[in-house]
PDB file of N, CA and C in Angstrom:
ATOM      1  N   MET A   1      -0.547  12.872   5.936  1.00  0.00           N
ATOM      2  CA  MET A   1       0.375  11.928   6.509  1.00  0.00           C
ATOM      3  C   MET A   1       1.532  11.752   5.513  1.00  0.00           C
ATOM      4  N   PRO A   2       2.464  12.669   5.457  1.00  0.00           N
ATOM      5  CA  PRO A   2       3.453  12.607   4.387  1.00  0.00           C
ATOM      6  C   PRO A   2       4.511  11.520   4.550  1.00  0.00           C
ATOM      7  N   TRP A   3       5.236  11.423   5.641  1.00  0.00           N
ATOM      8  CA  TRP A   3       6.330  10.463   5.772  1.00  0.00           C
ATOM      9  C   TRP A   3       6.118   9.590   6.989  1.00  0.00           C
ATOM     10  N   VAL A   4       6.353   8.289   6.823  1.00  0.00           N
ATOM     11  CA  VAL A   4       6.257   7.337   7.931  1.00  0.00           C
ATOM     12  C   VAL A   4       7.475   6.424   7.891  1.00  0.00           C
ATOM     13  N   SER A   5       7.764   5.814   9.006  1.00  0.00           N
ATOM     14  CA  SER A   5       8.857   4.857   9.083  1.00  0.00           C
ATOM     15  C   SER A   5       8.500   3.607   8.281  1.00  0.00           C
ATOM     16  N   ALA A   6       9.443   3.095   7.527  1.00  0.00           N
ATOM     17  CA  ALA A   6       9.196   1.917   6.700  1.00  0.00           C
ATOM     18  C   ALA A   6       8.947   0.681   7.545  1.00  0.00           C
ATOM     19  N   LYS A   7       9.486   0.647   8.754  1.00  0.00           N
ATOM     20  CA  LYS A   7       9.312  -0.524   9.615  1.00  0.00           C
ATOM     21  C   LYS A   7       7.864  -0.710  10.051  1.00  0.00           C
ATOM     22  N   SER A   8       7.158   0.386  10.282  1.00  0.00           N
ATOM     23  CA  SER A   8       5.780   0.290  10.748  1.00  0.00           C
ATOM     24  C   SER A   8       4.758   0.622   9.660  1.00  0.00           C
ATOM     25  N   ALA A   9       5.208   0.827   8.447  1.00  0.00           N
ATOM     26  CA  ALA A   9       4.313   1.285   7.381  1.00  0.00           C
ATOM     27  C   ALA A   9       3.247   0.268   7.021  1.00  0.00           C
ATOM     28  N   ASP A  10       3.571  -1.026   7.026  1.00  0.00           N
ATOM     29  CA  ASP A  10       2.574  -2.016   6.621  1.00  0.00           C
ATOM     30  C   ASP A  10       1.394  -2.045   7.583  1.00  0.00           C
ATOM     31  N   ARG A  11       1.648  -1.931   8.875  1.00  0.00           N
ATOM     32  CA  ARG A  11       0.553  -1.907   9.860  1.00  0.00           C
ATOM     33  C   ARG A  11      -0.264  -0.622   9.738  1.00  0.00           C
ATOM     34  N   LEU A  12       0.410   0.497   9.554  1.00  0.00           N
ATOM     35  CA  LEU A  12      -0.275   1.778   9.429  1.00  0.00           C
ATOM     36  C   LEU A  12      -1.133   1.820   8.171  1.00  0.00           C
ATOM     37  N   VAL A  13      -0.599   1.331   7.072  1.00  0.00           N
ATOM     38  CA  VAL A  13      -1.349   1.309   5.808  1.00  0.00           C
ATOM     39  C   VAL A  13      -2.569   0.416   5.939  1.00  0.00           C
ATOM     40  N   TYR A  14      -2.411  -0.739   6.566  1.00  0.00           N
ATOM     41  CA  TYR A  14      -3.546  -1.649   6.750  1.00  0.00           C
ATOM     42  C   TYR A  14      -4.659  -0.976   7.556  1.00  0.00           C
ATOM     43  N   MET A  15      -4.303  -0.311   8.644  1.00  0.00           N
ATOM     44  CA  MET A  15      -5.316   0.363   9.467  1.00  0.00           C
ATOM     45  C   MET A  15      -6.002   1.489   8.698  1.00  0.00           C
ATOM     46  N   GLN A  16      -5.239   2.229   7.878  1.00  0.00           N
ATOM     47  CA  GLN A  16      -5.811   3.341   7.121  1.00  0.00           C
ATOM     48  C   GLN A  16      -6.724   2.851   5.998  1.00  0.00           C
ATOM     49  N   ILE A  17      -6.309   1.813   5.283  1.00  0.00           N
ATOM     50  CA  ILE A  17      -7.093   1.365   4.129  1.00  0.00           C
ATOM     51  C   ILE A  17      -8.411   0.737   4.561  1.00  0.00           C
ATOM     52  N   VAL A  18      -8.442   0.093   5.713  1.00  0.00           N
ATOM     53  CA  VAL A  18      -9.687  -0.510   6.207  1.00  0.00           C
ATOM     54  C   VAL A  18     -10.710   0.584   6.522  1.00  0.00           C
ATOM     55  N   LYS A  19     -10.245   1.753   6.954  1.00  0.00           N
ATOM     56  CA  LYS A  19     -11.140   2.857   7.314  1.00  0.00           C
ATOM     57  C   LYS A  19     -11.579   3.703   6.121  1.00  0.00           C
ATOM     58  N   LEU A  20     -10.893   3.593   4.979  1.00  0.00           N
ATOM     59  CA  LEU A  20     -11.202   4.451   3.829  1.00  0.00           C
ATOM     60  C   LEU A  20     -12.565   4.151   3.229  1.00  0.00           C
ATOM     61  N   PRO A  21     -13.244   5.171   2.694  1.00  0.00           N
ATOM     62  CA  PRO A  21     -14.492   4.921   1.963  1.00  0.00           C
ATOM     63  C   PRO A  21     -14.196   4.262   0.611  1.00  0.00           C
ATOM     64  N   PHE A  22     -15.214   3.685   0.007  1.00  0.00           N
ATOM     65  CA  PHE A  22     -15.063   2.997  -1.274  1.00  0.00           C
ATOM     66  C   PHE A  22     -14.589   3.958  -2.348  1.00  0.00           C
ATOM     67  N   GLY A  23     -13.720   3.477  -3.221  1.00  0.00           N
ATOM     68  CA  GLY A  23     -13.243   4.288  -4.339  1.00  0.00           C
ATOM     69  C   GLY A  23     -12.027   5.131  -4.025  1.00  0.00           C
ATOM     70  N   LYS A  24     -11.675   5.318  -2.783  1.00  0.00           N
ATOM     71  CA  LYS A  24     -10.489   6.091  -2.423  1.00  0.00           C
ATOM     72  C   LYS A  24      -9.250   5.242  -2.647  1.00  0.00           C
ATOM     73  N   ARG A  25      -8.129   5.909  -2.916  1.00  0.00           N
ATOM     74  CA  ARG A  25      -6.857   5.233  -3.165  1.00  0.00           C
ATOM     75  C   ARG A  25      -5.839   5.677  -2.126  1.00  0.00           C
ATOM     76  N   LEU A  26      -5.047   4.722  -1.693  1.00  0.00           N
ATOM     77  CA  LEU A  26      -3.956   5.022  -0.781  1.00  0.00           C
ATOM     78  C   LEU A  26      -2.680   4.585  -1.481  1.00  0.00           C
ATOM     79  N   ARG A  27      -1.751   5.514  -1.670  1.00  0.00           N
ATOM     80  CA  ARG A  27      -0.507   5.223  -2.381  1.00  0.00           C
ATOM     81  C   ARG A  27       0.664   5.352  -1.421  1.00  0.00           C
ATOM     82  N   VAL A  28       1.537   4.354  -1.440  1.00  0.00           N
ATOM     83  CA  VAL A  28       2.754   4.342  -0.642  1.00  0.00           C
ATOM     84  C   VAL A  28       3.914   4.438  -1.620  1.00  0.00           C
ATOM     85  N   GLU A  29       4.753   5.479  -1.467  1.00  0.00           N
ATOM     86  CA  GLU A  29       5.839   5.727  -2.411  1.00  0.00           C
ATOM     87  C   GLU A  29       7.185   5.688  -1.714  1.00  0.00           C
ATOM     88  N   SER A  30       8.214   5.347  -2.480  1.00  0.00           N
ATOM     89  CA  SER A  30       9.579   5.433  -1.984  1.00  0.00           C
ATOM     90  C   SER A  30       9.989   6.907  -1.947  1.00  0.00           C
ATOM     91  N   PHE A  31      11.159   7.185  -1.396  1.00  0.00           N
ATOM     92  CA  PHE A  31      11.633   8.564  -1.284  1.00  0.00           C
ATOM     93  C   PHE A  31      11.737   9.233  -2.657  1.00  0.00           C
ATOM     94  N   LYS A  32      12.288   8.521  -3.631  1.00  0.00           N
ATOM     95  CA  LYS A  32      12.440   9.081  -4.976  1.00  0.00           C
ATOM     96  C   LYS A  32      11.142   9.080  -5.767  1.00  0.00           C
ATOM     97  N   GLY A  33      10.175   8.297  -5.350  1.00  0.00           N
ATOM     98  CA  GLY A  33       8.894   8.250  -6.038  1.00  0.00           C
ATOM     99  C   GLY A  33       8.881   7.343  -7.250  1.00  0.00           C
ATOM    100  N   ASP A  34       9.969   6.595  -7.469  1.00  0.00           N
ATOM    101  CA  ASP A  34      10.024   5.722  -8.634  1.00  0.00           C
ATOM    102  C   ASP A  34       9.371   4.371  -8.381  1.00  0.00           C
ATOM    103  N   ARG A  35       9.147   4.006  -7.120  1.00  0.00           N
ATOM    104  CA  ARG A  35       8.464   2.759  -6.767  1.00  0.00           C
ATOM    105  C   ARG A  35       7.271   3.098  -5.891  1.00  0.00           C
ATOM    106  N   TRP A  36       6.144   2.445  -6.167  1.00  0.00           N
ATOM    107  CA  TRP A  36       4.963   2.686  -5.344  1.00  0.00           C
ATOM    108  C   TRP A  36       4.034   1.491  -5.346  1.00  0.00           C
ATOM    109  N   ILE A  37       3.201   1.468  -4.314  1.00  0.00           N
ATOM    110  CA  ILE A  37       2.133   0.484  -4.177  1.00  0.00           C
ATOM    111  C   ILE A  37       0.860   1.285  -3.934  1.00  0.00           C
ATOM    112  N   GLU A  38      -0.167   0.992  -4.713  1.00  0.00           N
ATOM    113  CA  GLU A  38      -1.437   1.704  -4.584  1.00  0.00           C
ATOM    114  C   GLU A  38      -2.529   0.703  -4.234  1.00  0.00           C
ATOM    115  N   ILE A  39      -3.322   1.031  -3.218  1.00  0.00           N
ATOM    116  CA  ILE A  39      -4.398   0.152  -2.770  1.00  0.00           C
ATOM    117  C   ILE A  39      -5.715   0.891  -2.959  1.00  0.00           C
ATOM    118  N   VAL A  40      -6.670   0.222  -3.612  1.00  0.00           N
ATOM    119  CA  VAL A  40      -7.996   0.786  -3.850  1.00  0.00           C
ATOM    120  C   VAL A  40      -9.012  -0.104  -3.150  1.00  0.00           C
ATOM    121  N   LYS A  41      -9.895   0.512  -2.375  1.00  0.00           N
ATOM    122  CA  LYS A  41     -10.959  -0.241  -1.712  1.00  0.00           C
ATOM    123  C   LYS A  41     -12.126  -0.354  -2.681  1.00  0.00           C
ATOM    124  N   ILE A  42     -12.373  -1.574  -3.166  1.00  0.00           N
ATOM    125  CA  ILE A  42     -13.420  -1.803  -4.164  1.00  0.00           C
ATOM    126  C   ILE A  42     -14.791  -1.891  -3.495  1.00  0.00           C
ATOM    127  N   ASP A  43     -14.910  -2.729  -2.481  1.00  0.00           N
ATOM    128  CA  ASP A  43     -16.133  -2.818  -1.692  1.00  0.00           C
ATOM    129  C   ASP A  43     -15.757  -3.214  -0.272  1.00  0.00           C
ATOM    130  N   GLU A  44     -16.736  -3.626   0.498  1.00  0.00           N
ATOM    131  CA  GLU A  44     -16.528  -3.866   1.931  1.00  0.00           C
ATOM    132  C   GLU A  44     -15.388  -4.834   2.239  1.00  0.00           C
ATOM    133  N   ASN A  45     -15.177  -5.840   1.398  1.00  0.00           N
ATOM    134  CA  ASN A  45     -14.223  -6.885   1.736  1.00  0.00           C
ATOM    135  C   ASN A  45     -13.179  -7.138   0.645  1.00  0.00           C
ATOM    136  N   ASN A  46     -13.190  -6.360  -0.450  1.00  0.00           N
ATOM    137  CA  ASN A  46     -12.281  -6.604  -1.572  1.00  0.00           C
ATOM    138  C   ASN A  46     -11.441  -5.371  -1.861  1.00  0.00           C
ATOM    139  N   TYR A  47     -10.175  -5.639  -2.203  1.00  0.00           N
ATOM    140  CA  TYR A  47      -9.222  -4.569  -2.461  1.00  0.00           C
ATOM    141  C   TYR A  47      -8.446  -4.877  -3.730  1.00  0.00           C
ATOM    142  N   LYS A  48      -8.013  -3.826  -4.401  1.00  0.00           N
ATOM    143  CA  LYS A  48      -7.168  -3.963  -5.583  1.00  0.00           C
ATOM    144  C   LYS A  48      -5.827  -3.324  -5.240  1.00  0.00           C
ATOM    145  N   ILE A  49      -4.743  -4.077  -5.423  1.00  0.00           N
ATOM    146  CA  ILE A  49      -3.401  -3.583  -5.127  1.00  0.00           C
ATOM    147  C   ILE A  49      -2.639  -3.488  -6.436  1.00  0.00           C
ATOM    148  N   ILE A  50      -2.100  -2.309  -6.723  1.00  0.00           N
ATOM    149  CA  ILE A  50      -1.306  -2.077  -7.925  1.00  0.00           C
ATOM    150  C   ILE A  50       0.138  -1.879  -7.472  1.00  0.00           C
ATOM    151  N   GLU A  51       1.017  -2.731  -7.972  1.00  0.00           N
ATOM    152  CA  GLU A  51       2.433  -2.686  -7.615  1.00  0.00           C
ATOM    153  C   GLU A  51       3.216  -2.141  -8.806  1.00  0.00           C
ATOM    154  N   HIS A  52       4.033  -1.107  -8.568  1.00  0.00           N
ATOM    155  CA  HIS A  52       4.832  -0.503  -9.628  1.00  0.00           C
ATOM    156  C   HIS A  52       6.243  -0.284  -9.101  1.00  0.00           C
ATOM    157  N   GLY A  53       7.215  -0.931  -9.697  1.00  0.00           N
ATOM    158  CA  GLY A  53       8.595  -0.796  -9.242  1.00  0.00           C
ATOM    159  C   GLY A  53       9.424  -1.944  -9.758  1.00  0.00           C
ATOM    160  N   PHE A  54       9.963  -2.769  -8.852  1.00  0.00           N
ATOM    161  CA  PHE A  54      10.708  -3.957  -9.272  1.00  0.00           C
ATOM    162  C   PHE A  54       9.795  -4.885 -10.072  1.00  0.00           C
ATOM    163  N   ASN A  55       8.582  -5.059  -9.608  1.00  0.00           N
ATOM    164  CA  ASN A  55       7.567  -5.860 -10.304  1.00  0.00           C
ATOM    165  C   ASN A  55       6.385  -4.948 -10.599  1.00  0.00           C
ATOM    166  N   ASN A  56       5.730  -5.201 -11.717  1.00  0.00           N
ATOM    167  CA  ASN A  56       4.520  -4.456 -12.061  1.00  0.00           C
ATOM    168  C   ASN A  56       3.369  -5.444 -12.128  1.00  0.00           C
ATOM    169  N   ASN A  57       2.577  -5.483 -11.052  1.00  0.00           N
ATOM    170  CA  ASN A  57       1.484  -6.450 -10.957  1.00  0.00           C
ATOM    171  C   ASN A  57       0.231  -5.774 -10.407  1.00  0.00           C
ATOM    172  N   VAL A  58      -0.890  -6.441 -10.640  1.00  0.00           N
ATOM    173  CA  VAL A  58      -2.165  -6.023 -10.069  1.00  0.00           C
ATOM    174  C   VAL A  58      -2.732  -7.219  -9.325  1.00  0.00           C
ATOM    175  N   TYR A  59      -3.125  -7.022  -8.074  1.00  0.00           N
ATOM    176  CA  TYR A  59      -3.683  -8.082  -7.240  1.00  0.00           C
ATOM    177  C   TYR A  59      -5.087  -7.704  -6.824  1.00  0.00           C
ATOM    178  N   ASN A  60      -5.992  -8.654  -6.847  1.00  0.00           N
ATOM    179  CA  ASN A  60      -7.325  -8.500  -6.274  1.00  0.00           C
ATOM    180  C   ASN A  60      -7.382  -9.419  -5.059  1.00  0.00           C
ATOM    181  N   VAL A  61      -7.513  -8.819  -3.873  1.00  0.00           N
ATOM    182  CA  VAL A  61      -7.429  -9.600  -2.638  1.00  0.00           C
ATOM    183  C   VAL A  61      -8.613  -9.289  -1.734  1.00  0.00           C
ATOM    184  N   THR A  62      -8.854 -10.193  -0.804  1.00  0.00           N
ATOM    185  CA  THR A  62      -9.865  -9.963   0.220  1.00  0.00           C
ATOM    186  C   THR A  62      -9.185  -9.382   1.455  1.00  0.00           C
ATOM    187  N   GLU A  63      -9.984  -8.948   2.406  1.00  0.00           N
ATOM    188  CA  GLU A  63      -9.436  -8.354   3.621  1.00  0.00           C
ATOM    189  C   GLU A  63      -8.610  -9.362   4.418  1.00  0.00           C
ATOM    190  N   ASN A  64      -8.950 -10.647   4.314  1.00  0.00           N
ATOM    191  CA  ASN A  64      -8.202 -11.681   5.033  1.00  0.00           C
ATOM    192  C   ASN A  64      -6.767 -11.791   4.539  1.00  0.00           C
ATOM    193  N   ASP A  65      -6.530 -11.603   3.239  1.00  0.00           N
ATOM    194  CA  ASP A  65      -5.196 -11.722   2.655  1.00  0.00           C
ATOM    195  C   ASP A  65      -4.454 -10.399   2.576  1.00  0.00           C
ATOM    196  N   LEU A  66      -5.124  -9.297   2.843  1.00  0.00           N
ATOM    197  CA  LEU A  66      -4.550  -7.974   2.641  1.00  0.00           C
ATOM    198  C   LEU A  66      -3.290  -7.748   3.474  1.00  0.00           C
ATOM    199  N   LYS A  67      -3.327  -8.052   4.742  1.00  0.00           N
ATOM    200  CA  LYS A  67      -2.185  -7.789   5.623  1.00  0.00           C
ATOM    201  C   LYS A  67      -0.948  -8.583   5.194  1.00  0.00           C
ATOM    202  N   ARG A  68      -1.134  -9.847   4.848  1.00  0.00           N
ATOM    203  CA  ARG A  68      -0.022 -10.698   4.437  1.00  0.00           C
ATOM    204  C   ARG A  68       0.597 -10.211   3.124  1.00  0.00           C
ATOM    205  N   ILE A  69      -0.248  -9.862   2.164  1.00  0.00           N
ATOM    206  CA  ILE A  69       0.253  -9.421   0.860  1.00  0.00           C
ATOM    207  C   ILE A  69       0.966  -8.078   0.989  1.00  0.00           C
ATOM    208  N   LEU A  70       0.434  -7.175   1.809  1.00  0.00           N
ATOM    209  CA  LEU A  70       1.099  -5.891   2.010  1.00  0.00           C
ATOM    210  C   LEU A  70       2.494  -6.084   2.583  1.00  0.00           C
ATOM    211  N   LYS A  71       2.621  -6.940   3.571  1.00  0.00           N
ATOM    212  CA  LYS A  71       3.924  -7.185   4.184  1.00  0.00           C
ATOM    213  C   LYS A  71       4.913  -7.730   3.152  1.00  0.00           C
ATOM    214  N   GLU A  72       4.466  -8.657   2.313  1.00  0.00           N
ATOM    215  CA  GLU A  72       5.338  -9.211   1.271  1.00  0.00           C
ATOM    216  C   GLU A  72       5.740  -8.146   0.246  1.00  0.00           C
ATOM    217  N   LEU A  73       4.778  -7.338  -0.187  1.00  0.00           N
ATOM    218  CA  LEU A  73       5.071  -6.321  -1.199  1.00  0.00           C
ATOM    219  C   LEU A  73       6.000  -5.240  -0.660  1.00  0.00           C
ATOM    220  N   PHE A  74       5.847  -4.858   0.592  1.00  0.00           N
ATOM    221  CA  PHE A  74       6.719  -3.852   1.183  1.00  0.00           C
ATOM    222  C   PHE A  74       8.154  -4.373   1.242  1.00  0.00           C
ATOM    223  N   GLY A  75       8.310  -5.671   1.519  1.00  0.00           N
ATOM    224  CA  GLY A  75       9.638  -6.263   1.546  1.00  0.00           C
ATOM    225  C   GLY A  75      10.297  -6.287   0.174  1.00  0.00           C
ATOM    226  N   VAL A  76       9.494  -6.492  -0.861  1.00  0.00           N
ATOM    227  CA  VAL A  76      10.028  -6.541  -2.228  1.00  0.00           C
ATOM    228  C   VAL A  76      10.301  -5.146  -2.766  1.00  0.00           C
ATOM    229  N   GLU A  77       9.349  -4.239  -2.631  1.00  0.00           N
ATOM    230  CA  GLU A  77       9.458  -2.912  -3.244  1.00  0.00           C
ATOM    231  C   GLU A  77      10.311  -1.925  -2.451  1.00  0.00           C
ATOM    232  N   PHE A  78      10.340  -2.045  -1.148  1.00  0.00           N
ATOM    233  CA  PHE A  78      11.060  -1.075  -0.318  1.00  0.00           C
ATOM    234  C   PHE A  78      12.057  -1.768   0.618  1.00  0.00           C
ATOM    235  N   PRO A  79      12.994  -2.550   0.092  1.00  0.00           N
ATOM    236  CA  PRO A  79      13.867  -3.339   0.978  1.00  0.00           C
ATOM    237  C   PRO A  79      14.856  -2.493   1.778  1.00  0.00           C
ATOM    238  N   ARG A  80      15.304  -1.372   1.241  1.00  0.00           N
ATOM    239  CA  ARG A  80      16.300  -0.562   1.932  1.00  0.00           C
ATOM    240  C   ARG A  80      15.781   0.818   2.307  1.00  0.00           C
ATOM    241  N   SER A  81      14.494   1.037   2.192  1.00  0.00           N
ATOM    242  CA  SER A  81      13.918   2.340   2.505  1.00  0.00           C
ATOM    243  C   SER A  81      13.768   2.526   4.013  1.00  0.00           C
ATOM    244  N   HIS A  82      13.982   3.752   4.448  1.00  0.00           N
ATOM    245  CA  HIS A  82      13.784   4.101   5.848  1.00  0.00           C
ATOM    246  C   HIS A  82      12.506   4.907   6.054  1.00  0.00           C
ATOM    247  N   GLN A  83      12.164   5.724   5.063  1.00  0.00           N
ATOM    248  CA  GLN A  83      10.977   6.561   5.119  1.00  0.00           C
ATOM    249  C   GLN A  83      10.140   6.317   3.871  1.00  0.00           C
ATOM    250  N   LEU A  84       8.823   6.287   4.045  1.00  0.00           N
ATOM    251  CA  LEU A  84       7.903   6.118   2.924  1.00  0.00           C
ATOM    252  C   LEU A  84       6.862   7.227   2.975  1.00  0.00           C
ATOM    253  N   ARG A  85       6.414   7.638   1.807  1.00  0.00           N
ATOM    254  CA  ARG A  85       5.397   8.677   1.700  1.00  0.00           C
ATOM    255  C   ARG A  85       4.048   8.015   1.494  1.00  0.00           C
ATOM    256  N   ILE A  86       3.042   8.481   2.232  1.00  0.00           N
ATOM    257  CA  ILE A  86       1.682   7.948   2.087  1.00  0.00           C
ATOM    258  C   ILE A  86       0.771   9.078   1.618  1.00  0.00           C
ATOM    259  N   VAL A  87       0.059   8.814   0.522  1.00  0.00           N
ATOM    260  CA  VAL A  87      -0.835   9.806  -0.072  1.00  0.00           C
ATOM    261  C   VAL A  87      -2.199   9.161  -0.275  1.00  0.00           C
ATOM    262  N   ILE A  88      -3.267   9.846   0.141  1.00  0.00           N
ATOM    263  CA  ILE A  88      -4.627   9.364  -0.067  1.00  0.00           C
ATOM    264  C   ILE A  88      -5.283  10.246  -1.121  1.00  0.00           C
ATOM    265  N   THR A  89      -5.783   9.610  -2.202  1.00  0.00           N
ATOM    266  CA  THR A  89      -6.442  10.346  -3.290  1.00  0.00           C
ATOM    267  C   THR A  89      -7.774   9.711  -3.616  1.00  0.00           C
ATOM    268  N   SER A  90      -8.528  10.367  -4.487  1.00  0.00           N
ATOM    269  CA  SER A  90      -9.817   9.807  -4.887  1.00  0.00           C
ATOM    270  C   SER A  90      -9.752   9.217  -6.261  1.00  0.00           C
TER     271      SER A  90
END
């Protein structure tokens, strides 16, 4: 899944990360690759979000907060992006 529209990326990422097995990583990158958000599924209900770009933070969130935090981070990290790259790694 190389390129997706930035407008629908938060919903697509949420659906993909919920389905991923434990320990897998999903990375969303800007076109230049200088800004990214990486989500790791720790266990059934907990996720670790690593933000690298305008802000460099690490968040530990539950599934209930995941959708809201993703939407906020996408707005901060990719405000003018039209296309985003999605990469799934182990």
